[in-house]
Amino acid sequence: NDHVINKRNIKNMQVFINPDKSSWNGILQRPAFDTRQLEGTVAAILEEVRLNGDAAVKKYALQFDKVEPNELKVTAGEIDEALNLVDEKLKAAIQIAKDNITAFHQSQKEAVTPIETTNGVVCWRKSVGIEKVGLYIPGGTAPLFSTLLMLGIPAMLAGCKEIVVCTPPDKNGKINPVILYVAQLIGLKNIYKAGGVQAIGAMAYGTATITKVYKIFGPGNQYVTCAKQLVNATGIAIDMPAGPSEVAVYADETCNVAFVAADLLSQAEHGTDSQVILVANAVAVIDKVKVEIEKQLTQLSRVAIATKALEYARFIVIENTAVAFELLNEYAPEHLIIASDSALALAEKVSNAGSVFLGHYSPESAGDYASGTNHTLPTNGYAKAYSGVSLDSFVRKITFQQLSETGIKNIGPAVEVMAAAEGLGAHKNAVTIRLKKVEGRR
């Protein structure tokens, strides 16, 4: 019966053909994600964690995770125990992912390059790791150990001195063994049994056990997202605003329709509020993809979630390639797959996207796990202004300058004139007093 319902829903799914630009905003509307209605609840939990620390974290663990941990910090013994519970094939797979993620993020390190802007004036910029960062790793039905790789590796490479990991315990009060294995593999030691809003509060304000951090990273449900936005408003940095996950696929007649259907479904199974967009250059492509979705959908373990997510799907035919990419840039997807023989050339048309997957053998799953790029990406159209997480996310870039006597003589008069024009006499004098010394001015 479910299969019949799924087939009917897919067959009846609306297809937009060469839609007028005035209708694009309506067509590309994302699933409603308004955290304002949650703010009262979330703010109250944050305030209690701020005031009562560990006791509040444990109280809400009991309420939401149905377990109250004796100790919030994971012990060395618990980590050792977890190492033996992880399948060897999974360990080998994680090692491949770790190596690739490390290589890609290591390549983002910038050398310090002094520039002499004027004779005697030398400027440079240096990357310095954010001293204290918090990594939130969702637990629940799908503990995201891959997110710990994506956040923990660049945090270590950046040289962050204190890295706090918070993740919810299961009903037995245990942390998923794969998460603990990954933490041990990349050298993370401060792991805490705390999930949800209470974990964000603990990292934002600090408790007797959990260190207050300067920046919080990591995905989460709407409560976690709301908590991150609220602590951000009070001065704690966060990685980026984030909503439900999403993918847009551009497919032409050269695509493999089974691959395209699989990519759309891999996004749809994330959650009922995930969004999938397919833009094709012909109706025939969309019709074939629909047939493939029908075939593959019933084989999924998360069929109910994927089916619900497909209610938000949009299938759009745009015959003009330039216009198709104009629409995709307007949507600014978290993930963009270009399923075409001409993917590399078409990639030049992309200006707004979190991460782009080119050609027939580059599924989103590769970036989610092991190609090396980061999977923590801007959603909800934020790719127009935000980048995904990278090594840069974990550093501050501090500028330096050094002027010699020759340097102050060369640019000092210009600074004097500009400071005087802005009416800032003390600024002018800070230069004048030096020029008197080096030029013998009176």
Protein backbone atom coordinates (compact mmCIF):
# COMPACT_ATOMS: atom_id res chain seq x y z
CA ASN A 1 0.00 0.00 0.00
CA ASP A 2 2.86 2.39 0.86
CA HIS A 3 4.38 1.60 -2.53
CA VAL A 4 1.13 2.55 -4.29
CA ILE A 5 0.99 5.84 -2.36
CA ASN A 6 4.63 6.57 -3.21
CA LYS A 7 4.08 5.89 -6.90
CA ARG A 8 1.01 8.06 -7.03
CA ASN A 9 2.77 10.95 -5.26
CA ILE A 10 5.72 10.78 -7.63
CA LYS A 11 3.55 10.54 -10.75
CA ASN A 12 1.49 13.53 -9.60
CA MET A 13 4.51 15.62 -8.68
CA GLN A 14 4.25 19.00 -10.35
CA VAL A 15 6.71 19.79 -13.13
CA PHE A 16 7.44 23.42 -13.98
CA ILE A 17 8.30 24.02 -17.64
CA ASN A 18 10.31 27.14 -18.55
CA PRO A 19 8.81 29.08 -15.63
CA ASP A 20 8.80 32.85 -15.85
CA LYS A 21 11.42 34.51 -13.62
CA SER A 22 8.68 36.26 -11.66
CA SER A 23 7.56 32.83 -10.38
CA TRP A 24 11.00 31.56 -9.36
CA ASN A 25 10.82 32.68 -5.72
CA GLY A 26 7.55 30.83 -5.22
CA ILE A 27 8.77 27.66 -6.93
CA LEU A 28 12.06 27.64 -5.00
CA GLN A 29 10.41 28.21 -1.60
CA ARG A 30 12.16 26.06 0.98
CA PRO A 31 10.31 24.03 3.62
CA ALA A 32 9.22 26.39 6.41
CA PHE A 33 11.96 26.69 9.01
CA ASP A 34 10.99 29.43 11.44
CA THR A 35 12.78 29.18 14.79
CA ARG A 36 10.97 32.17 16.30
CA GLN A 37 8.23 29.98 17.79
CA LEU A 38 10.94 27.92 19.54
CA GLU A 39 12.84 30.88 20.93
CA GLY A 40 10.99 31.07 24.26
CA THR A 41 11.57 27.39 25.06
CA VAL A 42 15.18 27.43 23.87
CA ALA A 43 16.03 30.70 25.65
CA ALA A 44 14.69 29.31 28.94
CA ILE A 45 16.91 26.20 28.69
CA LEU A 46 19.96 28.30 27.79
CA GLU A 47 19.35 30.59 30.76
CA GLU A 48 19.05 27.64 33.14
CA VAL A 49 22.32 26.18 31.83
CA ARG A 50 23.98 29.60 32.24
CA LEU A 51 22.82 29.80 35.86
CA ASN A 52 23.04 26.15 36.98
CA GLY A 53 25.75 24.66 34.74
CA ASP A 54 26.29 20.91 35.00
CA ALA A 55 23.12 20.34 37.05
CA ALA A 56 20.99 21.86 34.27
CA VAL A 57 22.82 19.89 31.57
CA LYS A 58 22.11 16.64 33.46
CA LYS A 59 18.50 17.63 34.12
CA TYR A 60 17.80 18.17 30.42
CA ALA A 61 19.72 15.01 29.46
CA LEU A 62 17.24 13.10 31.64
CA GLN A 63 14.29 14.96 30.11
CA PHE A 64 15.28 14.69 26.44
CA ASP A 65 17.74 11.77 26.21
CA LYS A 66 16.03 9.71 28.94
CA VAL A 67 19.30 9.22 30.82
CA GLU A 68 21.20 11.26 33.41
CA PRO A 69 24.97 10.78 33.11
CA ASN A 70 26.89 10.48 36.40
CA GLU A 71 29.84 12.20 34.79
CA LEU A 72 29.52 14.42 31.75
CA LYS A 73 33.09 13.89 30.56
CA VAL A 74 33.80 10.65 28.72
CA THR A 75 36.53 8.69 30.54
CA ALA A 76 39.67 7.14 29.02
CA GLY A 77 38.20 3.74 29.96
CA GLU A 78 35.05 4.42 27.93
CA ILE A 79 37.17 5.40 24.94
CA ASP A 80 39.31 2.24 25.25
CA GLU A 81 36.15 0.12 25.46
CA ALA A 82 34.72 1.78 22.34
CA LEU A 83 37.82 1.08 20.24
CA ASN A 84 37.12 -2.66 20.36
CA LEU A 85 33.48 -2.24 19.31
CA VAL A 86 34.17 -0.68 15.89
CA ASP A 87 34.21 -2.97 12.86
CA GLU A 88 37.64 -3.26 11.19
CA LYS A 89 36.22 -2.51 7.73
CA LEU A 90 34.67 0.67 9.09
CA LYS A 91 37.99 1.62 10.71
CA ALA A 92 39.73 1.21 7.33
CA ALA A 93 37.06 3.32 5.60
CA ILE A 94 37.39 6.05 8.24
CA GLN A 95 41.17 6.07 7.73
CA ILE A 96 40.71 6.77 4.00
CA ALA A 97 38.32 9.62 4.80
CA LYS A 98 40.70 11.00 7.45
CA ASP A 99 43.65 10.99 5.04
CA ASN A 100 41.69 12.77 2.29
CA ILE A 101 40.09 15.35 4.60
CA THR A 102 43.52 16.04 6.14
CA ALA A 103 45.19 16.44 2.73
CA PHE A 104 42.52 18.86 1.46
CA HIS A 105 42.45 21.03 4.60
CA GLN A 106 46.25 20.95 5.03
CA SER A 107 46.51 22.47 1.54
CA GLN A 108 44.53 25.49 2.79
CA LYS A 109 47.33 26.62 5.12
CA GLU A 110 48.68 30.02 4.11
CA ALA A 111 52.33 30.94 4.34
CA VAL A 112 53.15 34.26 6.01
CA THR A 113 54.10 36.55 3.10
CA PRO A 114 55.48 39.98 4.06
CA ILE A 115 54.72 42.67 1.43
CA GLU A 116 56.61 45.95 1.20
CA THR A 117 53.75 48.25 0.17
CA THR A 118 56.04 51.30 0.07
CA ASN A 119 59.77 51.51 0.66
CA GLY A 120 60.14 51.10 4.43
CA VAL A 121 56.53 49.92 5.03
CA VAL A 122 56.18 46.15 5.49
CA CYS A 123 52.77 44.44 6.04
CA TRP A 124 51.89 40.81 6.57
CA ARG A 125 49.07 38.56 7.75
CA LYS A 126 49.31 35.54 10.02
CA SER A 127 46.72 32.81 10.69
CA VAL A 128 46.28 32.00 14.37
CA GLY A 129 44.04 29.17 15.59
CA ILE A 130 40.95 30.15 17.60
CA GLU A 131 42.01 29.13 21.10
CA LYS A 132 38.77 27.46 22.26
CA VAL A 133 36.22 25.87 19.92
CA GLY A 134 33.17 23.69 20.52
CA LEU A 135 32.10 20.92 18.15
CA TYR A 136 28.49 19.74 18.33
CA ILE A 137 28.01 16.23 16.93
CA PRO A 138 24.39 15.06 16.59
CA GLY A 139 23.52 11.66 18.04
CA GLY A 140 20.05 10.18 18.00
CA THR A 141 19.08 7.75 15.26
CA ALA A 142 22.15 8.51 13.13
CA PRO A 143 25.22 9.53 15.16
CA LEU A 144 27.23 11.62 12.70
CA PHE A 145 30.81 10.44 13.21
CA SER A 146 31.57 11.86 9.74
CA THR A 147 30.85 15.36 11.10
CA LEU A 148 33.47 14.82 13.81
CA LEU A 149 36.02 14.10 11.05
CA MET A 150 34.91 17.23 9.15
CA LEU A 151 35.19 19.51 12.20
CA GLY A 152 37.86 17.86 14.32
CA ILE A 153 40.51 17.55 11.60
CA PRO A 154 40.62 21.25 10.59
CA ALA A 155 40.39 22.27 14.27
CA MET A 156 43.52 20.22 14.99
CA LEU A 157 45.31 21.46 11.85
CA ALA A 158 44.51 25.08 12.78
CA GLY A 159 46.16 24.62 16.16
CA CYS A 160 43.10 25.34 18.32
CA LYS A 161 44.37 24.88 21.88
CA GLU A 162 41.15 23.60 23.42
CA ILE A 163 38.62 21.57 21.43
CA VAL A 164 35.40 20.62 23.22
CA VAL A 165 33.17 17.91 21.70
CA CYS A 166 29.55 17.59 22.85
CA THR A 167 27.34 14.74 21.67
CA PRO A 168 24.19 13.22 23.21
CA PRO A 169 24.36 9.86 25.00
CA ASP A 170 22.11 6.93 24.10
CA LYS A 171 19.48 5.59 26.53
CA ASN A 172 22.21 3.59 28.29
CA GLY A 173 24.25 6.71 28.90
CA LYS A 174 26.88 5.73 26.33
CA ILE A 175 28.35 7.69 23.44
CA ASN A 176 28.30 5.94 20.08
CA PRO A 177 31.56 3.93 19.88
CA VAL A 178 32.36 5.14 16.34
CA ILE A 179 32.28 8.77 17.52
CA LEU A 180 34.71 7.89 20.32
CA TYR A 181 36.92 5.96 17.88
CA VAL A 182 37.10 8.96 15.55
CA ALA A 183 37.84 11.31 18.47
CA GLN A 184 40.73 9.09 19.56
CA LEU A 185 41.99 8.73 15.96
CA ILE A 186 42.32 12.48 15.43
CA GLY A 187 43.53 13.27 18.94
CA LEU A 188 40.48 14.82 20.61
CA LYS A 189 40.32 14.29 24.36
CA ASN A 190 37.56 16.51 25.76
CA ILE A 191 34.35 14.68 24.87
CA TYR A 192 31.15 15.30 26.84
CA LYS A 193 27.80 13.53 27.13
CA ALA A 194 25.62 16.49 26.29
CA GLY A 195 23.20 17.02 23.45
CA GLY A 196 20.61 19.48 22.26
CA VAL A 197 20.14 23.03 23.50
CA GLN A 198 21.83 22.21 26.82
CA ALA A 199 25.08 21.31 25.01
CA ILE A 200 25.09 24.60 23.08
CA GLY A 201 24.46 26.46 26.35
CA ALA A 202 27.25 24.60 28.14
CA MET A 203 29.78 25.46 25.41
CA ALA A 204 28.56 29.06 25.17
CA TYR A 205 28.59 29.88 28.89
CA GLY A 206 30.87 27.21 30.39
CA THR A 207 30.09 24.93 33.35
CA ALA A 208 32.22 23.42 36.10
CA THR A 209 32.99 20.53 33.70
CA ILE A 210 32.66 21.97 30.19
CA THR A 211 34.93 24.82 29.06
CA LYS A 212 33.37 28.00 27.64
CA VAL A 213 34.41 28.31 24.00
CA TYR A 214 34.76 31.22 21.57
CA LYS A 215 33.11 29.60 18.54
CA ILE A 216 30.62 26.74 18.15
CA PHE A 217 30.46 24.46 15.11
CA GLY A 218 28.18 21.67 14.00
CA PRO A 219 24.74 20.83 12.64
CA GLY A 220 21.66 19.93 14.65
CA ASN A 221 17.89 19.90 14.71
CA GLN A 222 15.77 23.06 14.81
CA TYR A 223 16.27 23.41 18.59
CA VAL A 224 20.06 23.25 18.27
CA THR A 225 19.96 25.67 15.33
CA CYS A 226 17.81 28.09 17.32
CA ALA A 227 20.17 27.79 20.34
CA LYS A 228 23.19 28.57 18.14
CA GLN A 229 21.46 31.65 16.74
CA LEU A 230 20.52 32.88 20.23
CA VAL A 231 24.03 32.48 21.69
CA ASN A 232 25.43 34.08 18.52
CA ALA A 233 23.31 37.16 19.28
CA THR A 234 25.05 37.40 22.68
CA GLY A 235 28.56 37.34 21.23
CA ILE A 236 29.50 33.66 20.78
CA ALA A 237 30.63 33.03 17.20
CA ILE A 238 29.05 30.15 15.23
CA ASP A 239 30.11 28.45 12.02
CA MET A 240 27.09 29.60 9.98
CA PRO A 241 23.29 29.80 10.02
CA ALA A 242 21.90 26.46 8.91
CA GLY A 243 18.56 24.90 8.13
CA PRO A 244 17.47 21.57 6.67
CA SER A 245 19.84 19.92 4.18
CA GLU A 246 19.24 20.32 0.42
CA VAL A 247 20.49 19.33 -3.02
CA ALA A 248 19.93 20.71 -6.50
CA VAL A 249 20.77 18.58 -9.53
CA TYR A 250 21.23 19.88 -13.05
CA ALA A 251 20.75 17.06 -15.57
CA ASP A 252 20.75 17.00 -19.36
CA GLU A 253 20.23 14.23 -21.92
CA THR A 254 23.77 12.90 -21.25
CA CYS A 255 22.97 12.10 -17.60
CA ASN A 256 22.58 8.63 -16.13
CA VAL A 257 18.99 8.82 -14.83
CA ALA A 258 19.54 6.05 -12.25
CA PHE A 259 22.44 8.04 -10.79
CA VAL A 260 20.33 11.21 -10.68
CA ALA A 261 17.45 9.42 -8.93
CA ALA A 262 19.88 7.93 -6.40
CA ASP A 263 21.35 11.38 -5.70
CA LEU A 264 17.91 12.91 -5.13
CA LEU A 265 16.92 10.07 -2.79
CA SER A 266 20.20 10.23 -0.85
CA GLN A 267 19.28 13.80 0.01
CA ALA A 268 15.61 13.05 0.70
CA GLU A 269 16.49 10.42 3.33
CA HIS A 270 18.28 13.03 5.49
CA GLY A 271 15.02 14.22 7.01
CA THR A 272 11.40 14.98 6.24
CA ASP A 273 12.26 18.66 5.81
CA SER A 274 15.12 18.06 3.34
CA GLN A 275 14.63 19.55 -0.10
CA VAL A 276 15.51 18.18 -3.53
CA ILE A 277 15.45 20.24 -6.72
CA LEU A 278 15.93 18.78 -10.20
CA VAL A 279 16.54 21.15 -13.09
CA ALA A 280 16.65 19.47 -16.50
CA ASN A 281 16.89 20.66 -20.08
CA ALA A 282 14.03 18.41 -21.28
CA VAL A 283 10.79 16.90 -19.96
CA ALA A 284 11.98 13.46 -21.08
CA VAL A 285 14.86 13.59 -18.57
CA ILE A 286 12.48 14.33 -15.70
CA ASP A 287 10.04 11.60 -16.76
CA LYS A 288 12.84 9.02 -16.77
CA VAL A 289 14.16 10.17 -13.39
CA LYS A 290 10.66 9.83 -11.88
CA VAL A 291 10.49 6.21 -13.03
CA GLU A 292 13.89 5.53 -11.44
CA ILE A 293 12.84 7.20 -8.17
CA GLU A 294 9.83 4.86 -8.02
CA LYS A 295 12.10 1.84 -8.49
CA GLN A 296 14.71 2.86 -5.93
CA LEU A 297 12.45 4.36 -3.27
CA THR A 298 10.96 1.08 -2.05
CA GLN A 299 14.45 -0.35 -1.45
CA LEU A 300 15.32 2.31 1.13
CA SER A 301 15.27 1.63 4.87
CA ARG A 302 14.24 5.29 5.42
CA VAL A 303 11.44 5.12 2.81
CA ALA A 304 8.92 7.00 4.97
CA ILE A 305 11.31 9.92 5.57
CA ALA A 306 12.34 10.10 1.90
CA THR A 307 8.70 9.97 0.73
CA LYS A 308 7.75 12.83 3.03
CA ALA A 309 10.77 14.88 1.87
CA LEU A 310 9.75 14.36 -1.77
CA GLU A 311 6.62 16.41 -1.06
CA TYR A 312 8.95 19.41 -1.09
CA ALA A 313 10.71 18.30 -4.29
CA ARG A 314 10.66 20.55 -7.34
CA PHE A 315 11.15 19.31 -10.90
CA ILE A 316 11.88 22.16 -13.30
CA VAL A 317 12.48 22.07 -17.06
CA ILE A 318 14.52 24.96 -18.45
CA GLU A 319 15.67 24.45 -22.02
CA ASN A 320 18.09 27.40 -22.05
CA THR A 321 21.26 26.42 -20.15
CA ALA A 322 22.21 29.97 -19.16
CA VAL A 323 18.74 30.55 -17.70
CA ALA A 324 18.87 27.19 -15.88
CA PHE A 325 22.05 28.24 -14.09
CA GLU A 326 20.61 31.66 -13.36
CA LEU A 327 17.80 29.86 -11.51
CA LEU A 328 20.25 27.56 -9.69
CA ASN A 329 22.35 30.55 -8.60
CA GLU A 330 19.19 32.23 -7.34
CA TYR A 331 18.40 29.09 -5.30
CA ALA A 332 22.02 28.92 -4.01
CA PRO A 333 21.93 25.23 -3.02
CA GLU A 334 23.94 23.66 -0.23
CA HIS A 335 24.91 20.87 -2.67
CA LEU A 336 24.85 21.21 -6.47
CA ILE A 337 25.34 18.19 -8.74
CA ILE A 338 25.95 18.79 -12.45
CA ALA A 339 25.03 15.51 -14.17
CA SER A 340 26.32 16.18 -17.66
CA ASP A 341 29.16 15.29 -20.01
CA SER A 342 29.86 19.05 -20.05
CA ALA A 343 30.00 19.39 -16.25
CA LEU A 344 33.41 21.08 -16.11
CA ALA A 345 32.42 23.76 -18.60
CA LEU A 346 29.01 24.26 -16.95
CA ALA A 347 30.73 24.69 -13.56
CA GLU A 348 31.97 28.07 -14.81
CA LYS A 349 28.35 29.28 -14.63
CA VAL A 350 28.09 28.55 -10.87
CA SER A 351 28.32 31.56 -8.58
CA ASN A 352 26.21 30.51 -5.58
CA ALA A 353 26.57 27.02 -4.06
CA GLY A 354 28.03 25.40 -0.97
CA SER A 355 29.76 22.47 -2.69
CA VAL A 356 29.62 21.36 -6.33
CA PHE A 357 29.80 17.78 -7.65
CA LEU A 358 30.82 17.47 -11.29
CA GLY A 359 30.00 14.74 -13.78
CA HIS A 360 28.47 11.30 -13.54
CA TYR A 361 30.73 9.78 -10.88
CA SER A 362 30.69 12.51 -8.23
CA PRO A 363 27.74 11.81 -5.90
CA GLU A 364 27.06 14.09 -2.95
CA SER A 365 27.82 11.10 -0.72
CA ALA A 366 31.50 11.33 -1.73
CA GLY A 367 31.74 14.84 -0.30
CA ASP A 368 29.64 13.86 2.72
CA TYR A 369 32.23 11.27 3.71
CA ALA A 370 35.54 10.84 2.02
CA SER A 371 36.54 12.95 -1.01
CA GLY A 372 38.24 15.44 1.30
CA THR A 373 36.02 18.51 1.00
CA ASN A 374 34.04 19.62 4.05
CA HIS A 375 30.38 18.65 4.38
CA THR A 376 29.45 21.43 6.83
CA LEU A 377 27.88 23.82 4.32
CA PRO A 378 25.54 26.83 4.15
CA THR A 379 21.86 25.98 3.57
CA ASN A 380 18.68 27.98 3.10
CA GLY A 381 20.20 30.26 0.46
CA TYR A 382 23.08 31.37 2.70
CA ALA A 383 25.54 30.12 0.05
CA LYS A 384 25.04 33.57 -1.53
CA ALA A 385 27.12 35.04 1.27
CA TYR A 386 28.67 32.22 3.33
CA SER A 387 31.29 29.56 2.60
CA GLY A 388 31.30 26.04 3.93
CA VAL A 389 33.57 25.14 6.86
CA SER A 390 37.28 25.12 5.99
CA LEU A 391 40.59 25.58 7.77
CA ASP A 392 39.84 29.33 7.68
CA SER A 393 36.80 28.76 9.89
CA PHE A 394 39.09 27.76 12.77
CA VAL A 395 41.60 30.61 12.52
CA ARG A 396 41.71 34.35 12.91
CA LYS A 397 43.88 36.28 10.50
CA ILE A 398 45.87 38.95 12.29
CA THR A 399 47.55 41.71 10.29
CA PHE A 400 50.94 43.19 11.17
CA GLN A 401 52.84 46.21 9.90
CA GLN A 402 56.25 47.65 10.59
CA LEU A 403 57.43 51.09 9.44
CA SER A 404 61.06 52.13 9.44
CA GLU A 405 62.22 55.75 9.54
CA THR A 406 62.20 55.65 5.75
CA GLY A 407 58.66 54.23 5.80
CA ILE A 408 57.23 56.96 8.07
CA LYS A 409 58.93 59.60 5.90
CA ASN A 410 57.37 58.07 2.77
CA ILE A 411 53.74 57.75 3.90
CA GLY A 412 53.65 60.08 6.94
CA PRO A 413 52.78 63.28 5.02
CA ALA A 414 49.86 61.52 3.26
CA VAL A 415 48.57 60.28 6.62
CA GLU A 416 48.85 63.78 8.09
CA VAL A 417 46.78 65.25 5.25
CA MET A 418 44.09 62.55 5.48
CA ALA A 419 43.83 62.76 9.29
CA ALA A 420 43.50 66.56 9.13
CA ALA A 421 40.78 66.24 6.46
CA GLU A 422 38.78 64.00 8.83
CA GLY A 423 39.30 66.41 11.70
CA LEU A 424 41.32 63.94 13.77
CA GLY A 425 44.15 66.07 15.12
CA ALA A 426 45.59 63.46 17.48
CA HIS A 427 45.88 61.01 14.58
CA LYS A 428 47.81 63.63 12.62
CA ASN A 429 50.03 64.41 15.61
CA ALA A 430 50.98 60.75 16.12
CA VAL A 431 52.67 61.00 12.71
CA THR A 432 53.92 64.60 13.00
CA ILE A 433 55.77 63.89 16.25
CA ARG A 434 57.66 61.06 14.54
CA LEU A 435 58.43 63.06 11.43
CA LYS A 436 59.92 65.79 13.63
CA LYS A 437 62.26 63.19 15.09
CA VAL A 438 63.39 61.64 11.79
CA GLU A 439 63.38 64.81 9.65
CA GLY A 440 64.46 67.26 12.25
CA ARG A 441 61.18 69.20 11.77
CA ARG A 442 60.50 71.98 14.25
